[in-house]
C-alpha atoms as a PDB file:
ATOM      1  CA  MET A   1     -10.988   8.123 -18.918  1.00  0.00           C
ATOM      2  CA  SER A   2      -7.810   9.896 -18.024  1.00  0.00           C
ATOM      3  CA  ALA A   3      -4.757  10.042 -20.274  1.00  0.00           C
ATOM      4  CA  ALA A   4      -2.789   8.902 -17.159  1.00  0.00           C
ATOM      5  CA  LEU A   5      -4.284   5.457 -17.211  1.00  0.00           C
ATOM      6  CA  ARG A   6      -2.331   2.456 -18.549  1.00  0.00           C
ATOM      7  CA  ARG A   7      -3.658  -0.793 -19.747  1.00  0.00           C
ATOM      8  CA  TRP A   8      -2.419  -4.147 -18.231  1.00  0.00           C
ATOM      9  CA  THR A   9      -3.609  -7.643 -19.204  1.00  0.00           C
ATOM     10  CA  LEU A  10      -3.428 -10.596 -16.822  1.00  0.00           C
ATOM     11  CA  ASP A  11      -4.383 -14.055 -17.547  1.00  0.00           C
ATOM     12  CA  THR A  12      -6.661 -14.986 -14.515  1.00  0.00           C
ATOM     13  CA  VAL A  13      -7.422 -18.445 -13.049  1.00  0.00           C
ATOM     14  CA  ASP A  14     -11.249 -17.814 -13.303  1.00  0.00           C
ATOM     15  CA  TYR A  15     -11.933 -15.261 -15.986  1.00  0.00           C
ATOM     16  CA  GLY A  16      -9.085 -15.953 -18.424  1.00  0.00           C
ATOM     17  CA  PRO A  17      -7.351 -12.580 -19.862  1.00  0.00           C
ATOM     18  CA  VAL A  18      -8.552  -9.557 -17.930  1.00  0.00           C
ATOM     19  CA  GLU A  19      -7.611  -6.230 -19.028  1.00  0.00           C
ATOM     20  CA  VAL A  20      -7.365  -3.432 -16.357  1.00  0.00           C
ATOM     21  CA  GLU A  21      -6.797   0.258 -16.511  1.00  0.00           C
ATOM     22  CA  CYS A  22      -4.107   1.121 -14.157  1.00  0.00           C
ATOM     23  CA  PRO A  23      -4.249   4.584 -12.553  1.00  0.00           C
ATOM     24  CA  ALA A  24      -1.147   6.700 -12.670  1.00  0.00           C
ATOM     25  CA  TRP A  25      -0.145   5.882  -9.006  1.00  0.00           C
ATOM     26  CA  CYS A  26      -0.126   2.068  -9.615  1.00  0.00           C
ATOM     27  CA  VAL A  27       3.333   0.634  -9.580  1.00  0.00           C
ATOM     28  CA  GLY A  28       2.306  -2.223 -11.930  1.00  0.00           C
ATOM     29  CA  HIS A  29       1.316  -5.842 -11.474  1.00  0.00           C
ATOM     30  CA  GLY A  30       4.571  -7.778 -11.564  1.00  0.00           C
ATOM     31  CA  SER A  31       3.756  -9.614  -8.420  1.00  0.00           C
ATOM     32  CA  GLU A  32       0.449 -10.963  -9.953  1.00  0.00           C
ATOM     33  CA  ARG A  33       1.459 -13.922 -12.007  1.00  0.00           C
ATOM     34  CA  ASP A  34      -0.386 -14.811 -15.214  1.00  0.00           C
ATOM     35  CA  GLY A  35      -2.481 -17.984 -14.652  1.00  0.00           C
ATOM     36  CA  GLU A  36      -2.172 -17.925 -10.913  1.00  0.00           C
ATOM     37  CA  THR A  37      -4.212 -14.897 -10.064  1.00  0.00           C
ATOM     38  CA  TYR A  38      -7.935 -14.592  -9.542  1.00  0.00           C
ATOM     39  CA  ARG A  39      -9.861 -11.601 -11.086  1.00  0.00           C
ATOM     40  CA  GLY A  40     -10.820 -10.445  -7.525  1.00  0.00           C
ATOM     41  CA  ASP A  41      -7.258 -10.469  -6.419  1.00  0.00           C
ATOM     42  CA  ILE A  42      -6.089  -8.002  -9.156  1.00  0.00           C
ATOM     43  CA  THR A  43      -4.886  -4.982  -7.105  1.00  0.00           C
ATOM     44  CA  HIS A  44      -3.489  -1.560  -7.938  1.00  0.00           C
ATOM     45  CA  ASN A  45      -0.806  -0.545  -5.301  1.00  0.00           C
ATOM     46  CA  SER A  46       0.950   2.659  -4.857  1.00  0.00           C
ATOM     47  CA  VAL A  47       4.631   3.099  -3.884  1.00  0.00           C
ATOM     48  CA  ARG A  48       4.962   1.851  -0.286  1.00  0.00           C
ATOM     49  CA  VAL A  49       5.901   4.266   2.535  1.00  0.00           C
ATOM     50  CA  LYS A  50       7.681   3.183   5.605  1.00  0.00           C
ATOM     51  CA  ALA A  51       8.200   4.385   9.025  1.00  0.00           C
ATOM     52  CA  GLY A  52      10.639   3.246  11.726  1.00  0.00           C
ATOM     53  CA  THR A  53      13.037   4.464  14.209  1.00  0.00           C
ATOM     54  CA  ALA A  54      16.724   4.034  15.221  1.00  0.00           C
ATOM     55  CA  LEU A  55      17.525   2.959  18.754  1.00  0.00           C
ATOM     56  CA  ASP A  56      20.479   4.426  20.646  1.00  0.00           C
ATOM     57  CA  ASP A  57      22.657   1.516  19.493  1.00  0.00           C
ATOM     58  CA  ASP A  58      21.704   2.380  15.793  1.00  0.00           C
ATOM     59  CA  GLU A  59      19.602  -0.632  15.556  1.00  0.00           C
ATOM     60  CA  TRP A  60      16.747   0.034  13.005  1.00  0.00           C
ATOM     61  CA  VAL A  61      13.196  -0.833  14.222  1.00  0.00           C
ATOM     62  CA  PRO A  62      10.508  -0.906  11.426  1.00  0.00           C
ATOM     63  CA  VAL A  63       7.162   0.506  12.663  1.00  0.00           C
ATOM     64  CA  MET A  64       4.925   0.073   9.593  1.00  0.00           C
ATOM     65  CA  THR A  65       4.714  -0.128   5.904  1.00  0.00           C
ATOM     66  CA  ALA A  66       1.589   1.224   3.959  1.00  0.00           C
ATOM     67  CA  CYS A  67       0.482   2.043   0.569  1.00  0.00           C
ATOM     68  CA  ILE A  68      -2.808   2.956  -1.323  1.00  0.00           C
ATOM     69  CA  SER A  69      -4.337  -0.162  -2.617  1.00  0.00           C
ATOM     70  CA  TRP A  70      -7.401  -0.758  -4.722  1.00  0.00           C
ATOM     71  CA  ALA A  71      -8.769  -4.169  -5.984  1.00  0.00           C
ATOM     72  CA  PRO A  72     -11.295  -2.703  -8.604  1.00  0.00           C
ATOM     73  CA  PHE A  73     -13.132  -5.991  -8.868  1.00  0.00           C
ATOM     74  CA  ARG A  74     -13.883  -6.182  -5.174  1.00  0.00           C
ATOM     75  CA  GLU A  75     -13.667  -2.708  -3.650  1.00  0.00           C
ATOM     76  CA  LEU A  76     -15.501   0.358  -4.796  1.00  0.00           C
ATOM     77  CA  VAL A  77     -12.642   2.842  -3.930  1.00  0.00           C
ATOM     78  CA  PRO A  78      -9.004   2.839  -2.920  1.00  0.00           C
ATOM     79  CA  VAL A  79      -8.003   1.820   0.667  1.00  0.00           C
ATOM     80  CA  ILE A  80      -4.997   2.025   2.761  1.00  0.00           C
ATOM     81  CA  SER A  81      -3.039  -1.105   2.999  1.00  0.00           C
ATOM     82  CA  LEU A  82      -1.242  -1.075   6.400  1.00  0.00           C
ATOM     83  CA  VAL A  83       1.238  -3.489   7.972  1.00  0.00           C
ATOM     84  CA  LEU A  84       2.202  -2.604  11.514  1.00  0.00           C
ATOM     85  CA  GLU A  85       5.689  -4.171  12.177  1.00  0.00           C
ATOM     86  CA  ALA A  86       6.834  -3.000  15.669  1.00  0.00           C
ATOM     87  CA  GLU A  87       7.148  -6.031  17.820  1.00  0.00           C
ATOM     88  CA  GLY A  88       9.544  -7.063  20.547  1.00  0.00           C
ATOM     89  CA  ASP A  89      10.782  -6.121  24.010  1.00  0.00           C
ATOM     90  CA  PHE A  90      12.657  -2.827  24.294  1.00  0.00           C
ATOM     91  CA  ALA A  91      14.611  -1.058  27.017  1.00  0.00           C
ATOM     92  CA  ALA A  92      12.748   1.611  28.740  1.00  0.00           C
ATOM     93  CA  GLU A  93      15.426   4.069  27.390  1.00  0.00           C
ATOM     94  CA  ASP A  94      14.264   3.229  23.894  1.00  0.00           C
ATOM     95  CA  GLY A  95      10.705   4.158  24.561  1.00  0.00           C
ATOM     96  CA  ARG A  96      11.164   7.746  23.350  1.00  0.00           C
ATOM     97  CA  HIS A  97      12.552   6.455  20.017  1.00  0.00           C
ATOM     98  CA  ILE A  98       9.794   4.032  19.562  1.00  0.00           C
ATOM     99  CA  ALA A  99       7.249   6.785  20.219  1.00  0.00           C
ATOM    100  CA  GLU A 100       8.946   8.914  17.650  1.00  0.00           C
ATOM    101  CA  GLY A 101       8.572   6.223  14.947  1.00  0.00           C
ATOM    102  CA  LEU A 102       4.937   5.726  15.855  1.00  0.00           C
ATOM    103  CA  ARG A 103       4.534   9.562  15.398  1.00  0.00           C
ATOM    104  CA  LEU A 104       6.074   9.353  12.123  1.00  0.00           C
ATOM    105  CA  ALA A 105       4.007   6.380  11.169  1.00  0.00           C
ATOM    106  CA  ALA A 106       0.716   8.300  12.206  1.00  0.00           C
ATOM    107  CA  THR A 107       1.715  11.120   9.886  1.00  0.00           C
ATOM    108  CA  ARG A 108       2.415   9.088   7.044  1.00  0.00           C
ATOM    109  CA  VAL A 109      -0.913   7.124   7.396  1.00  0.00           C
ATOM    110  CA  GLU A 110      -2.763  10.506   7.544  1.00  0.00           C
ATOM    111  CA  ALA A 111      -1.066  11.586   4.344  1.00  0.00           C
ATOM    112  CA  LEU A 112      -2.116   8.352   2.679  1.00  0.00           C
ATOM    113  CA  ALA A 113      -5.693   8.724   3.907  1.00  0.00           C
ATOM    114  CA  VAL A 114      -5.823  12.338   2.450  1.00  0.00           C
ATOM    115  CA  GLU A 115      -4.496  11.046  -0.885  1.00  0.00           C
ATOM    116  CA  ALA A 116      -6.916   7.960  -1.013  1.00  0.00           C
ATOM    117  CA  ILE A 117      -9.860  10.206  -0.374  1.00  0.00           C
ATOM    118  CA  ARG A 118      -8.642  12.438  -3.185  1.00  0.00           C
ATOM    119  CA  LEU A 119      -8.315   9.590  -5.577  1.00  0.00           C
ATOM    120  CA  ARG A 120     -11.774   8.500  -4.784  1.00  0.00           C
ATOM    121  CA  GLU A 121     -13.165  11.619  -6.504  1.00  0.00           C
ATOM    122  CA  GLY A 122     -11.630  10.471  -9.768  1.00  0.00           C
ATOM    123  CA  ILE A 123     -13.394   6.955  -9.456  1.00  0.00           C
ATOM    124  CA  ALA A 124     -16.793   7.882  -8.419  1.00  0.00           C
END
């Protein structure tokens, strides 16, 4: 067990109090409410990274948010939690900006994948 791990206790619907060891990259469990969370839903999440782009009229278009996520009671290893957000109709002139945001998103997903694979080594 690494010294970087923290312990967190959550009162779950199905198992009562469950103590989990949080890896250093976990931002906490504030969104998981005592007495309303199932054991299998306890999830460690890293800081979310975002990607987007600004159009010519300075409108911000979100493209994606992502983080490393691991539900230790239902997943063997950390995964990438990804939400693609770009949606809508855009002027053809904005296509270059949208493509730029997608390239940025791809770079960030690749970096998260590398980190998730590295983190697996500490779990296996």
